[in-house]
Amino acid sequence: MNPDPNKVDWDEAASSFAGEGRHELWRRYSDRVNSALLEAWLPERGMQRLLKTDLFDEATAEGLYPLLAEFSSRVDGVDISATAVEAAARRYPELKTRQADLRDLPFEDQAFDCVVSNSTLDHFHECADIHRAVQELYRVTRPGGHLVITMDNVQNPLVWLRNHLPQPWLQELGLVPYFVGRSLTRSGLVDTLEQAGLDIIECDAVMHCPRVISVARATKIQERGDVQRQQRYLDRLQAWERLRALPSRYFTGHFIAVKARRPAQHQR
């Protein structure tokens, strides 16, 4: 497997985010939304081994590792960026980190009880890369094991527009400080998971606040250093998640979320 052409970009993004801390308040909100989803969807506590497919959260903020460690006695984490891997390892020495390409994972078959892949599959150049990565996730998940996957929701008009604008423009404006890749529709992701041999348990949409405006506002509030005001802002952002209960949730959520399971017995 050749190195991903975006690895250097991710090294720079991880280094920038971890060093400047400008998006700390927003990262806290992102962690809160993802943690709520995982609390609801992860299987029972007491798992032996869990894989997280992205270490950007742990490299730049508290991340999801503390929660995942409550569910599994061992948590492995991979990332294409060596910078993200090193930063996550410094923050959490007990997290088993490794630099790896999601399309060619360095793990044995059926190694994990659960895989958590939050906004990782939506950073490839081609949909074929997504399909290959999903096949790898299937391979390393034990029969009966679960997967929780989120990716950009192109059914949301704002996400669709962002994904179709020239990325140099978005990066120059500071709206997207990292590479945005291909994403699948909800039905496309479901089809891809089913074709790999996985059973779909549940689908949803999360993070319903207007993201661009919310990130900019979070940065301004963080700069003022008022802790109570920051907490109030987090609570206001959380209120947007009420839209998750509405039939229109797939038009307002920034991410689609799918919970799947590898059947205990399945003939490929």
Protein backbone atom coordinates (compact mmCIF):
# COMPACT_ATOMS: atom_id res chain seq x y z
CA MET A 1 0.00 0.00 0.00
CA ASN A 2 1.44 3.31 -1.03
CA PRO A 3 1.35 6.11 1.55
CA ASP A 4 -1.81 8.17 1.41
CA PRO A 5 -1.13 11.42 -0.49
CA ASN A 6 -2.98 13.34 2.25
CA LYS A 7 -0.81 12.09 5.11
CA VAL A 8 1.30 15.25 5.17
CA ASP A 9 -1.85 17.37 5.25
CA TRP A 10 -3.10 15.42 8.26
CA ASP A 11 0.27 15.78 9.99
CA GLU A 12 0.03 19.54 9.56
CA ALA A 13 -3.61 19.69 10.65
CA ALA A 14 -3.01 17.57 13.76
CA SER A 15 0.05 19.61 14.71
CA SER A 16 -1.80 22.89 14.20
CA PHE A 17 -4.93 21.87 16.12
CA ALA A 18 -2.96 20.35 19.00
CA GLY A 19 -0.60 23.30 19.25
CA GLU A 20 -2.86 26.34 18.94
CA GLY A 21 -5.87 25.10 20.92
CA ARG A 22 -8.19 27.58 19.14
CA HIS A 23 -10.87 24.95 18.63
CA GLU A 24 -10.79 23.44 22.11
CA LEU A 25 -14.34 24.50 22.96
CA TRP A 26 -15.69 23.12 19.70
CA ARG A 27 -13.79 19.87 20.19
CA ARG A 28 -15.41 19.55 23.60
CA TYR A 29 -18.82 19.80 21.97
CA SER A 30 -17.86 17.29 19.30
CA ASP A 31 -16.68 14.88 22.00
CA ARG A 32 -19.96 15.39 23.86
CA VAL A 33 -22.08 14.54 20.81
CA ASN A 34 -19.99 11.50 19.89
CA SER A 35 -19.90 10.29 23.49
CA ALA A 36 -23.70 10.44 23.76
CA LEU A 37 -24.00 8.33 20.61
CA LEU A 38 -21.47 5.78 21.86
CA GLU A 39 -23.06 5.56 25.30
CA ALA A 40 -26.30 4.58 23.59
CA TRP A 41 -24.89 2.29 20.91
CA LEU A 42 -21.84 0.50 22.28
CA PRO A 43 -22.49 -3.04 23.51
CA GLU A 44 -22.15 -3.92 27.16
CA ARG A 45 -19.05 -3.04 29.16
CA GLY A 46 -16.42 -5.72 29.65
CA MET A 47 -15.18 -6.09 26.07
CA GLN A 48 -11.64 -7.36 25.67
CA ARG A 49 -10.45 -5.29 22.71
CA LEU A 50 -11.82 -2.29 20.82
CA LEU A 51 -10.45 -0.42 17.77
CA LYS A 52 -10.78 3.32 17.16
CA THR A 53 -9.95 4.21 13.55
CA ASP A 54 -8.99 7.87 14.04
CA LEU A 55 -6.81 9.57 16.68
CA PHE A 56 -7.47 13.19 15.73
CA ASP A 57 -9.83 13.59 18.71
CA GLU A 58 -7.26 12.33 21.19
CA ALA A 59 -4.43 14.30 19.57
CA THR A 60 -6.21 17.65 19.74
CA ALA A 61 -8.52 17.42 22.78
CA GLU A 62 -9.70 14.99 25.44
CA GLY A 63 -11.25 12.79 22.78
CA LEU A 64 -13.25 9.62 23.20
CA TYR A 65 -10.61 7.35 24.70
CA PRO A 66 -11.68 7.80 28.36
CA LEU A 67 -15.19 6.64 27.49
CA LEU A 68 -14.02 3.78 25.29
CA ALA A 69 -11.72 2.57 28.08
CA GLU A 70 -14.82 2.15 30.27
CA PHE A 71 -16.21 -0.35 27.77
CA SER A 72 -13.09 -2.31 26.84
CA SER A 73 -10.04 -3.45 28.79
CA ARG A 74 -7.85 -2.66 25.78
CA VAL A 75 -8.32 0.10 23.22
CA ASP A 76 -6.26 0.23 20.03
CA GLY A 77 -6.13 3.37 17.91
CA VAL A 78 -4.83 3.93 14.40
CA ASP A 79 -4.27 7.02 12.28
CA ILE A 80 -2.56 7.75 8.96
CA SER A 81 -0.83 10.73 10.58
CA ALA A 82 2.32 10.04 12.62
CA THR A 83 1.81 13.42 14.32
CA ALA A 84 -1.66 12.44 15.52
CA VAL A 85 -0.42 9.05 16.70
CA GLU A 86 2.42 10.61 18.70
CA ALA A 87 0.20 13.29 20.25
CA ALA A 88 -2.47 10.76 21.26
CA ALA A 89 0.16 8.45 22.75
CA ARG A 90 1.58 11.29 24.85
CA ARG A 91 -1.85 12.17 26.18
CA TYR A 92 -2.89 8.54 26.80
CA PRO A 93 0.10 6.20 27.27
CA GLU A 94 -2.23 3.26 27.91
CA LEU A 95 -3.90 3.69 24.49
CA LYS A 96 -2.32 1.24 22.03
CA THR A 97 -1.52 3.55 19.13
CA ARG A 98 -0.22 2.69 15.69
CA GLN A 99 0.23 4.52 12.41
CA ALA A 100 -1.77 2.66 9.80
CA ASP A 101 -3.84 2.95 6.65
CA LEU A 102 -7.46 1.98 7.16
CA ARG A 103 -7.44 0.18 3.81
CA ASP A 104 -4.67 -2.15 4.98
CA LEU A 105 -4.90 -2.64 8.74
CA PRO A 106 -1.98 -4.32 10.53
CA PHE A 107 -4.17 -6.60 12.66
CA GLU A 108 -5.08 -10.26 12.52
CA ASP A 109 -8.50 -11.45 11.43
CA GLN A 110 -11.33 -11.13 13.98
CA ALA A 111 -9.13 -9.24 16.46
CA PHE A 112 -11.72 -6.82 17.87
CA ASP A 113 -14.99 -7.04 19.76
CA CYS A 114 -15.97 -3.59 18.50
CA VAL A 115 -14.83 -0.95 16.02
CA VAL A 116 -15.54 2.77 16.43
CA SER A 117 -14.98 4.73 13.22
CA ASN A 118 -16.02 8.34 13.70
CA SER A 119 -15.64 10.57 10.62
CA THR A 120 -12.79 8.52 9.17
CA LEU A 121 -14.30 6.94 6.07
CA ASP A 122 -15.14 10.38 4.65
CA HIS A 123 -11.51 11.39 4.09
CA PHE A 124 -10.62 9.25 1.09
CA HIS A 125 -10.27 10.42 -2.50
CA GLU A 126 -12.50 7.74 -4.02
CA CYS A 127 -15.55 5.73 -2.99
CA ALA A 128 -13.60 2.57 -3.87
CA ASP A 129 -11.30 3.40 -0.93
CA ILE A 130 -14.31 3.54 1.38
CA HIS A 131 -15.44 0.10 0.20
CA ARG A 132 -11.98 -1.34 0.75
CA ALA A 133 -11.74 0.17 4.24
CA VAL A 134 -15.14 -1.27 5.17
CA GLN A 135 -13.98 -4.71 4.06
CA GLU A 136 -10.96 -4.32 6.34
CA LEU A 137 -13.19 -3.32 9.25
CA TYR A 138 -15.27 -6.43 8.62
CA ARG A 139 -12.14 -8.58 8.55
CA VAL A 140 -10.80 -7.40 11.91
CA THR A 141 -14.18 -7.59 13.70
CA ARG A 142 -14.98 -10.88 15.42
CA PRO A 143 -18.21 -12.73 14.59
CA GLY A 144 -20.91 -11.15 16.74
CA GLY A 145 -18.85 -7.97 17.11
CA HIS A 146 -20.20 -4.46 16.54
CA LEU A 147 -19.22 -1.42 14.50
CA VAL A 148 -20.27 2.19 15.08
CA ILE A 149 -19.57 4.38 12.04
CA THR A 150 -20.17 8.07 11.36
CA MET A 151 -19.39 10.03 8.21
CA ASP A 152 -20.32 13.29 6.52
CA ASN A 153 -24.01 13.47 5.68
CA VAL A 154 -24.32 14.64 2.09
CA GLN A 155 -28.11 14.72 2.45
CA ASN A 156 -27.55 17.86 4.54
CA PRO A 157 -27.55 20.70 1.96
CA LEU A 158 -24.73 22.58 3.71
CA VAL A 159 -22.50 19.52 3.79
CA TRP A 160 -23.29 18.79 0.14
CA LEU A 161 -22.40 22.38 -0.82
CA ARG A 162 -19.15 22.31 1.16
CA ASN A 163 -18.11 19.05 -0.48
CA HIS A 164 -18.71 20.47 -3.96
CA LEU A 165 -16.80 23.73 -3.50
CA PRO A 166 -13.09 23.88 -4.39
CA GLN A 167 -11.13 22.84 -1.33
CA PRO A 168 -8.40 25.47 -1.76
CA TRP A 169 -11.10 28.14 -1.40
CA LEU A 170 -12.49 26.55 1.75
CA GLN A 171 -9.04 26.18 3.30
CA GLU A 172 -8.02 29.74 2.41
CA LEU A 173 -11.20 31.05 4.09
CA GLY A 174 -10.50 28.88 7.14
CA LEU A 175 -13.82 27.06 6.82
CA VAL A 176 -12.23 23.64 6.34
CA PRO A 177 -8.67 23.38 7.69
CA TYR A 178 -8.14 19.81 6.48
CA PHE A 179 -8.80 17.54 3.53
CA VAL A 180 -12.45 16.63 2.88
CA GLY A 181 -12.89 13.47 0.89
CA ARG A 182 -15.69 11.47 -0.63
CA SER A 183 -18.73 10.52 1.39
CA LEU A 184 -21.62 8.14 0.83
CA THR A 185 -25.32 8.71 1.15
CA ARG A 186 -27.04 6.96 4.03
CA SER A 187 -28.35 4.27 1.69
CA GLY A 188 -24.93 4.03 0.06
CA LEU A 189 -23.22 3.44 3.39
CA VAL A 190 -25.84 0.87 4.39
CA ASP A 191 -25.41 -0.94 1.06
CA THR A 192 -21.62 -0.91 1.42
CA LEU A 193 -21.79 -2.38 4.93
CA GLU A 194 -24.29 -5.04 3.88
CA GLN A 195 -22.21 -5.99 0.86
CA ALA A 196 -19.25 -6.50 3.19
CA GLY A 197 -21.35 -8.97 5.19
CA LEU A 198 -22.55 -6.79 8.06
CA ASP A 199 -26.05 -6.57 9.50
CA ILE A 200 -27.46 -3.08 10.05
CA ILE A 201 -28.89 -2.54 13.52
CA GLU A 202 -29.66 1.17 13.58
CA CYS A 203 -29.22 4.41 11.60
CA ASP A 204 -29.33 7.99 12.82
CA ALA A 205 -28.02 11.52 12.23
CA VAL A 206 -26.04 13.59 14.74
CA MET A 207 -24.61 17.09 15.25
CA HIS A 208 -27.53 19.25 14.14
CA CYS A 209 -26.24 22.73 14.90
CA PRO A 210 -25.21 24.97 11.95
CA ARG A 211 -21.57 23.89 12.05
CA VAL A 212 -19.67 26.71 10.35
CA ILE A 213 -21.40 29.41 12.40
CA SER A 214 -21.15 27.37 15.59
CA VAL A 215 -17.41 26.75 15.22
CA ALA A 216 -16.71 30.43 14.62
CA ARG A 217 -18.84 31.43 17.60
CA ALA A 218 -17.15 28.82 19.82
CA THR A 219 -13.73 30.21 18.90
CA LYS A 220 -14.77 33.75 19.87
CA ILE A 221 -16.26 32.65 23.18
CA GLN A 222 -13.19 30.58 23.98
CA GLU A 223 -10.91 33.57 23.35
CA ARG A 224 -12.77 35.57 26.00
CA GLY A 225 -11.93 32.96 28.62
CA ASP A 226 -15.27 33.08 30.47
CA VAL A 227 -15.73 29.50 31.71
CA GLN A 228 -19.40 29.93 32.65
CA ARG A 229 -20.19 31.45 29.28
CA GLN A 230 -18.44 28.56 27.57
CA GLN A 231 -20.58 26.08 29.50
CA ARG A 232 -23.76 27.93 28.58
CA TYR A 233 -22.73 27.87 24.94
CA LEU A 234 -22.11 24.12 25.07
CA ASP A 235 -25.59 23.66 26.54
CA ARG A 236 -27.14 25.78 23.75
CA LEU A 237 -25.33 23.74 21.13
CA GLN A 238 -26.56 20.56 22.78
CA ALA A 239 -30.14 21.80 22.46
CA TRP A 240 -29.82 21.49 18.67
CA GLU A 241 -29.61 17.72 19.12
CA ARG A 242 -33.35 17.71 19.77
CA LEU A 243 -33.69 17.78 15.99
CA ARG A 244 -32.43 14.20 16.06
CA ALA A 245 -35.92 13.11 17.12
CA LEU A 246 -37.59 14.59 14.02
CA PRO A 247 -38.20 12.89 10.66
CA SER A 248 -36.12 15.68 9.07
CA ARG A 249 -33.00 14.66 11.00
CA TYR A 250 -31.22 13.42 7.85
CA PHE A 251 -31.43 16.92 6.38
CA THR A 252 -30.09 18.70 9.49
CA GLY A 253 -27.48 16.32 10.92
CA HIS A 254 -23.89 16.93 9.90
CA PHE A 255 -23.07 13.23 10.22
CA ILE A 256 -24.91 10.03 9.46
CA ALA A 257 -24.39 7.29 12.03
CA VAL A 258 -24.78 3.55 11.54
CA LYS A 259 -24.55 0.74 14.06
CA ALA A 260 -23.79 -2.63 12.46
CA ARG A 261 -22.85 -6.13 13.55
CA ARG A 262 -20.87 -8.93 12.01
CA PRO A 263 -23.12 -12.00 12.16
CA ALA A 264 -22.00 -14.78 14.46
CA GLN A 265 -22.24 -17.17 11.49
CA HIS A 266 -21.97 -15.78 7.99
CA GLN A 267 -20.96 -17.23 4.67
CA ARG A 268 -19.14 -14.64 2.51
